[in-house]
C-alpha atoms as a PDB file:
ATOM      1  CA  MET A   1     -27.758  53.418 -15.330  1.00  0.00           C
ATOM      2  CA  SER A   2     -27.061  54.919 -12.430  1.00  0.00           C
ATOM      3  CA  LEU A   3     -28.626  58.221 -10.601  1.00  0.00           C
ATOM      4  CA  PHE A   4     -25.833  59.797  -9.862  1.00  0.00           C
ATOM      5  CA  PHE A   5     -24.777  59.256 -13.532  1.00  0.00           C
ATOM      6  CA  VAL A   6     -27.800  61.037 -14.896  1.00  0.00           C
ATOM      7  CA  TYR A   7     -27.621  64.002 -12.280  1.00  0.00           C
ATOM      8  CA  PHE A   8     -24.402  65.184 -13.804  1.00  0.00           C
ATOM      9  CA  PHE A   9     -25.386  64.190 -17.533  1.00  0.00           C
ATOM     10  CA  LEU A  10     -28.768  67.400 -16.575  1.00  0.00           C
ATOM     11  CA  LYS A  11     -25.879  69.323 -15.360  1.00  0.00           C
ATOM     12  CA  GLY A  12     -24.044  68.849 -18.235  1.00  0.00           C
ATOM     13  CA  HIS A  13     -21.358  67.679 -16.240  1.00  0.00           C
ATOM     14  CA  GLY A  14     -21.532  64.407 -19.009  1.00  0.00           C
ATOM     15  CA  GLY A  15     -21.820  63.844 -22.801  1.00  0.00           C
ATOM     16  CA  ILE A  16     -22.327  60.622 -24.969  1.00  0.00           C
ATOM     17  CA  ASN A  17     -18.907  59.393 -26.833  1.00  0.00           C
ATOM     18  CA  GLN A  18     -18.616  58.286 -30.353  1.00  0.00           C
ATOM     19  CA  LEU A  19     -20.209  54.498 -29.773  1.00  0.00           C
ATOM     20  CA  GLY A  20     -23.350  55.751 -27.577  1.00  0.00           C
ATOM     21  CA  GLY A  21     -21.768  55.973 -24.180  1.00  0.00           C
ATOM     22  CA  VAL A  22     -22.933  58.147 -21.476  1.00  0.00           C
ATOM     23  CA  PHE A  23     -19.689  59.797 -19.556  1.00  0.00           C
ATOM     24  CA  VAL A  24     -19.117  61.846 -16.769  1.00  0.00           C
ATOM     25  CA  ASN A  25     -15.911  64.558 -16.900  1.00  0.00           C
ATOM     26  CA  GLY A  26     -13.690  63.807 -14.526  1.00  0.00           C
ATOM     27  CA  ARG A  27     -15.115  61.072 -13.022  1.00  0.00           C
ATOM     28  CA  PRO A  28     -14.212  57.272 -13.216  1.00  0.00           C
ATOM     29  CA  LEU A  29     -16.049  54.417 -14.937  1.00  0.00           C
ATOM     30  CA  PRO A  30     -17.876  52.716 -12.468  1.00  0.00           C
ATOM     31  CA  ASN A  31     -16.584  49.394 -11.298  1.00  0.00           C
ATOM     32  CA  GLN A  32     -19.245  47.326 -12.466  1.00  0.00           C
ATOM     33  CA  VAL A  33     -18.189  47.932 -16.277  1.00  0.00           C
ATOM     34  CA  ARG A  34     -14.078  47.900 -15.061  1.00  0.00           C
ATOM     35  CA  GLN A  35     -15.351  44.388 -14.014  1.00  0.00           C
ATOM     36  CA  GLN A  36     -16.855  43.729 -17.136  1.00  0.00           C
ATOM     37  CA  ILE A  37     -14.365  45.041 -19.400  1.00  0.00           C
ATOM     38  CA  VAL A  38     -11.193  42.437 -17.145  1.00  0.00           C
ATOM     39  CA  GLN A  39     -14.167  39.797 -17.148  1.00  0.00           C
ATOM     40  CA  LEU A  40     -14.570  39.935 -21.542  1.00  0.00           C
ATOM     41  CA  ALA A  41     -10.950  40.378 -21.379  1.00  0.00           C
ATOM     42  CA  ASN A  42      -9.541  37.159 -19.904  1.00  0.00           C
ATOM     43  CA  GLN A  43     -12.375  35.346 -22.550  1.00  0.00           C
ATOM     44  CA  ASN A  44     -10.140  36.616 -24.841  1.00  0.00           C
ATOM     45  CA  VAL A  45     -12.114  39.131 -26.727  1.00  0.00           C
ATOM     46  CA  ARG A  46     -10.151  42.013 -28.053  1.00  0.00           C
ATOM     47  CA  PRO A  47      -9.754  45.330 -26.980  1.00  0.00           C
ATOM     48  CA  CYS A  48     -11.839  46.991 -29.958  1.00  0.00           C
ATOM     49  CA  ASP A  49     -14.702  44.451 -29.601  1.00  0.00           C
ATOM     50  CA  ILE A  50     -14.704  45.393 -25.650  1.00  0.00           C
ATOM     51  CA  SER A  51     -14.910  49.429 -26.416  1.00  0.00           C
ATOM     52  CA  ARG A  52     -17.886  48.959 -28.838  1.00  0.00           C
ATOM     53  CA  GLN A  53     -19.563  46.477 -27.085  1.00  0.00           C
ATOM     54  CA  LEU A  54     -19.734  48.218 -23.855  1.00  0.00           C
ATOM     55  CA  ARG A  55     -19.172  51.437 -25.214  1.00  0.00           C
ATOM     56  CA  VAL A  56     -16.353  52.549 -23.564  1.00  0.00           C
ATOM     57  CA  SER A  57     -13.414  54.629 -25.593  1.00  0.00           C
ATOM     58  CA  HIS A  58     -10.770  52.690 -26.269  1.00  0.00           C
ATOM     59  CA  GLY A  59      -8.450  54.482 -25.023  1.00  0.00           C
ATOM     60  CA  CYS A  60     -10.583  53.980 -22.031  1.00  0.00           C
ATOM     61  CA  VAL A  61     -10.162  49.992 -21.739  1.00  0.00           C
ATOM     62  CA  SER A  62      -6.451  50.303 -22.984  1.00  0.00           C
ATOM     63  CA  LYS A  63      -6.306  52.263 -19.804  1.00  0.00           C
ATOM     64  CA  ILE A  64      -7.698  49.961 -17.243  1.00  0.00           C
ATOM     65  CA  LEU A  65      -6.759  46.517 -18.176  1.00  0.00           C
ATOM     66  CA  GLY A  66      -2.677  48.122 -18.607  1.00  0.00           C
ATOM     67  CA  ARG A  67      -3.189  48.862 -14.905  1.00  0.00           C
ATOM     68  CA  TYR A  68      -4.622  45.883 -14.395  1.00  0.00           C
ATOM     69  CA  TYR A  69      -2.128  43.183 -15.937  1.00  0.00           C
ATOM     70  CA  GLU A  70       0.565  45.482 -13.767  1.00  0.00           C
ATOM     71  CA  THR A  71      -1.092  45.477 -10.391  1.00  0.00           C
ATOM     72  CA  GLY A  72      -3.591  43.392 -10.808  1.00  0.00           C
ATOM     73  CA  SER A  73      -6.734  45.871  -9.761  1.00  0.00           C
ATOM     74  CA  ILE A  74      -9.614  47.250 -11.782  1.00  0.00           C
ATOM     75  CA  ARG A  75     -10.207  50.783  -9.132  1.00  0.00           C
ATOM     76  CA  PRO A  76      -9.695  53.692 -10.513  1.00  0.00           C
ATOM     77  CA  GLY A  77      -6.116  56.501  -9.742  1.00  0.00           C
ATOM     78  CA  VAL A  78      -6.848  59.183  -7.546  1.00  0.00           C
ATOM     79  CA  ILE A  79      -5.609  62.567  -8.660  1.00  0.00           C
ATOM     80  CA  GLY A  80      -4.011  64.796  -6.154  1.00  0.00           C
ATOM     81  CA  GLY A  81      -3.410  64.313  -2.653  1.00  0.00           C
ATOM     82  CA  SER A  82      -0.367  62.595  -1.671  1.00  0.00           C
ATOM     83  CA  LYS A  83       0.464  59.342  -1.901  1.00  0.00           C
ATOM     84  CA  PRO A  84       1.188  56.758   1.741  1.00  0.00           C
ATOM     85  CA  LYS A  85       4.877  56.654   2.751  1.00  0.00           C
ATOM     86  CA  VAL A  86       5.952  53.316   1.499  1.00  0.00           C
ATOM     87  CA  ALA A  87      10.051  53.614   1.678  1.00  0.00           C
ATOM     88  CA  THR A  88       9.987  52.233   5.450  1.00  0.00           C
ATOM     89  CA  ALA A  89      13.732  51.908   7.196  1.00  0.00           C
ATOM     90  CA  SER A  90      14.125  48.190   5.786  1.00  0.00           C
ATOM     91  CA  VAL A  91      13.196  49.718   2.464  1.00  0.00           C
ATOM     92  CA  VAL A  92      15.945  52.454   2.817  1.00  0.00           C
ATOM     93  CA  GLU A  93      18.297  50.462   4.820  1.00  0.00           C
ATOM     94  CA  ALA A  94      17.922  48.078   1.386  1.00  0.00           C
ATOM     95  CA  ILE A  95      18.354  50.937  -1.431  1.00  0.00           C
ATOM     96  CA  CYS A  96      22.157  51.969   0.672  1.00  0.00           C
ATOM     97  CA  LYS A  97      22.918  48.339   0.519  1.00  0.00           C
ATOM     98  CA  TYR A  98      22.504  47.836  -2.982  1.00  0.00           C
ATOM     99  CA  LYS A  99      23.840  51.476  -3.692  1.00  0.00           C
ATOM    100  CA  GLU A 100      27.075  50.283  -1.104  1.00  0.00           C
ATOM    101  CA  ASP A 101      27.636  47.666  -3.432  1.00  0.00           C
ATOM    102  CA  ASN A 102      27.175  48.685  -5.915  1.00  0.00           C
ATOM    103  CA  PRO A 103      27.682  52.803  -6.946  1.00  0.00           C
ATOM    104  CA  THR A 104      26.786  52.796 -10.345  1.00  0.00           C
ATOM    105  CA  MET A 105      23.430  50.954 -10.217  1.00  0.00           C
ATOM    106  CA  PHE A 106      20.761  52.769 -11.891  1.00  0.00           C
ATOM    107  CA  ALA A 107      17.431  53.803 -10.171  1.00  0.00           C
ATOM    108  CA  TRP A 108      15.184  51.792 -12.132  1.00  0.00           C
ATOM    109  CA  GLU A 109      17.675  48.466 -11.114  1.00  0.00           C
ATOM    110  CA  ILE A 110      17.279  49.139  -7.700  1.00  0.00           C
ATOM    111  CA  ARG A 111      13.367  49.149  -7.974  1.00  0.00           C
ATOM    112  CA  ASP A 112      14.113  45.907  -9.471  1.00  0.00           C
ATOM    113  CA  ARG A 113      15.935  43.706  -6.868  1.00  0.00           C
ATOM    114  CA  LEU A 114      13.570  45.465  -4.153  1.00  0.00           C
ATOM    115  CA  LEU A 115      10.820  43.220  -5.924  1.00  0.00           C
ATOM    116  CA  LYS A 116      12.930  40.651  -6.927  1.00  0.00           C
ATOM    117  CA  ASP A 117      14.599  39.948  -3.217  1.00  0.00           C
ATOM    118  CA  GLN A 118      10.314  40.193  -2.409  1.00  0.00           C
ATOM    119  CA  ILE A 119      11.470  43.784   0.119  1.00  0.00           C
ATOM    120  CA  CYS A 120       8.960  45.179  -2.001  1.00  0.00           C
ATOM    121  CA  THR A 121       6.164  44.045  -3.673  1.00  0.00           C
ATOM    122  CA  VAL A 122       4.675  46.225  -6.733  1.00  0.00           C
ATOM    123  CA  GLU A 123       2.248  47.737  -4.490  1.00  0.00           C
ATOM    124  CA  ASN A 124       4.373  49.052  -2.291  1.00  0.00           C
ATOM    125  CA  VAL A 125       7.691  49.264  -4.030  1.00  0.00           C
ATOM    126  CA  PRO A 126       9.322  53.357  -4.093  1.00  0.00           C
ATOM    127  CA  SER A 127       8.975  55.679  -7.092  1.00  0.00           C
ATOM    128  CA  VAL A 128      12.413  55.911  -9.305  1.00  0.00           C
ATOM    129  CA  SER A 129      12.176  59.270  -7.888  1.00  0.00           C
ATOM    130  CA  SER A 130      11.815  58.624  -4.442  1.00  0.00           C
ATOM    131  CA  ILE A 131      14.845  56.071  -4.574  1.00  0.00           C
ATOM    132  CA  ASN A 132      16.731  58.906  -6.389  1.00  0.00           C
ATOM    133  CA  ARG A 133      15.753  61.108  -3.562  1.00  0.00           C
ATOM    134  CA  ILE A 134      16.531  58.212  -0.825  1.00  0.00           C
ATOM    135  CA  VAL A 135      19.969  57.384  -2.530  1.00  0.00           C
ATOM    136  CA  ARG A 136      20.601  61.537  -2.749  1.00  0.00           C
ATOM    137  CA  ASN A 137      19.614  62.182   1.492  1.00  0.00           C
ATOM    138  CA  LYS A 138      21.366  59.565   2.143  1.00  0.00           C
ATOM    139  CA  ALA A 139      24.470  60.298   0.247  1.00  0.00           C
ATOM    140  CA  SER A 140      24.391  64.366   1.462  1.00  0.00           C
END
């Protein structure tokens, strides 16, 4: 257990979960534990067994594995702050072209098409709400 966790635990910001694992409120799980979760999953260990073995809640294991399968990343999400601008000029141009070619196309279809046509990657594809905002702003 890291000194960081011991400090926060003693300061009253943490606790012990139902499985006997130590946690700190508002702090992400250490990368070492995240890596162990992914390694065990790759060895076909069930999430409920990973949870018991590492003393991490099932919800936490599921969330980490879900993000890993979706993005390939085990890094924790960032709460708050602004996201980097992902809609480059070429992405905006492609969105406008898709909408021009098919005015009834939904934002989620545009998002899928940006990925399929390799204009964006999973890491930098705009969200559905960003696509809708781009379409609205270009229409006015």
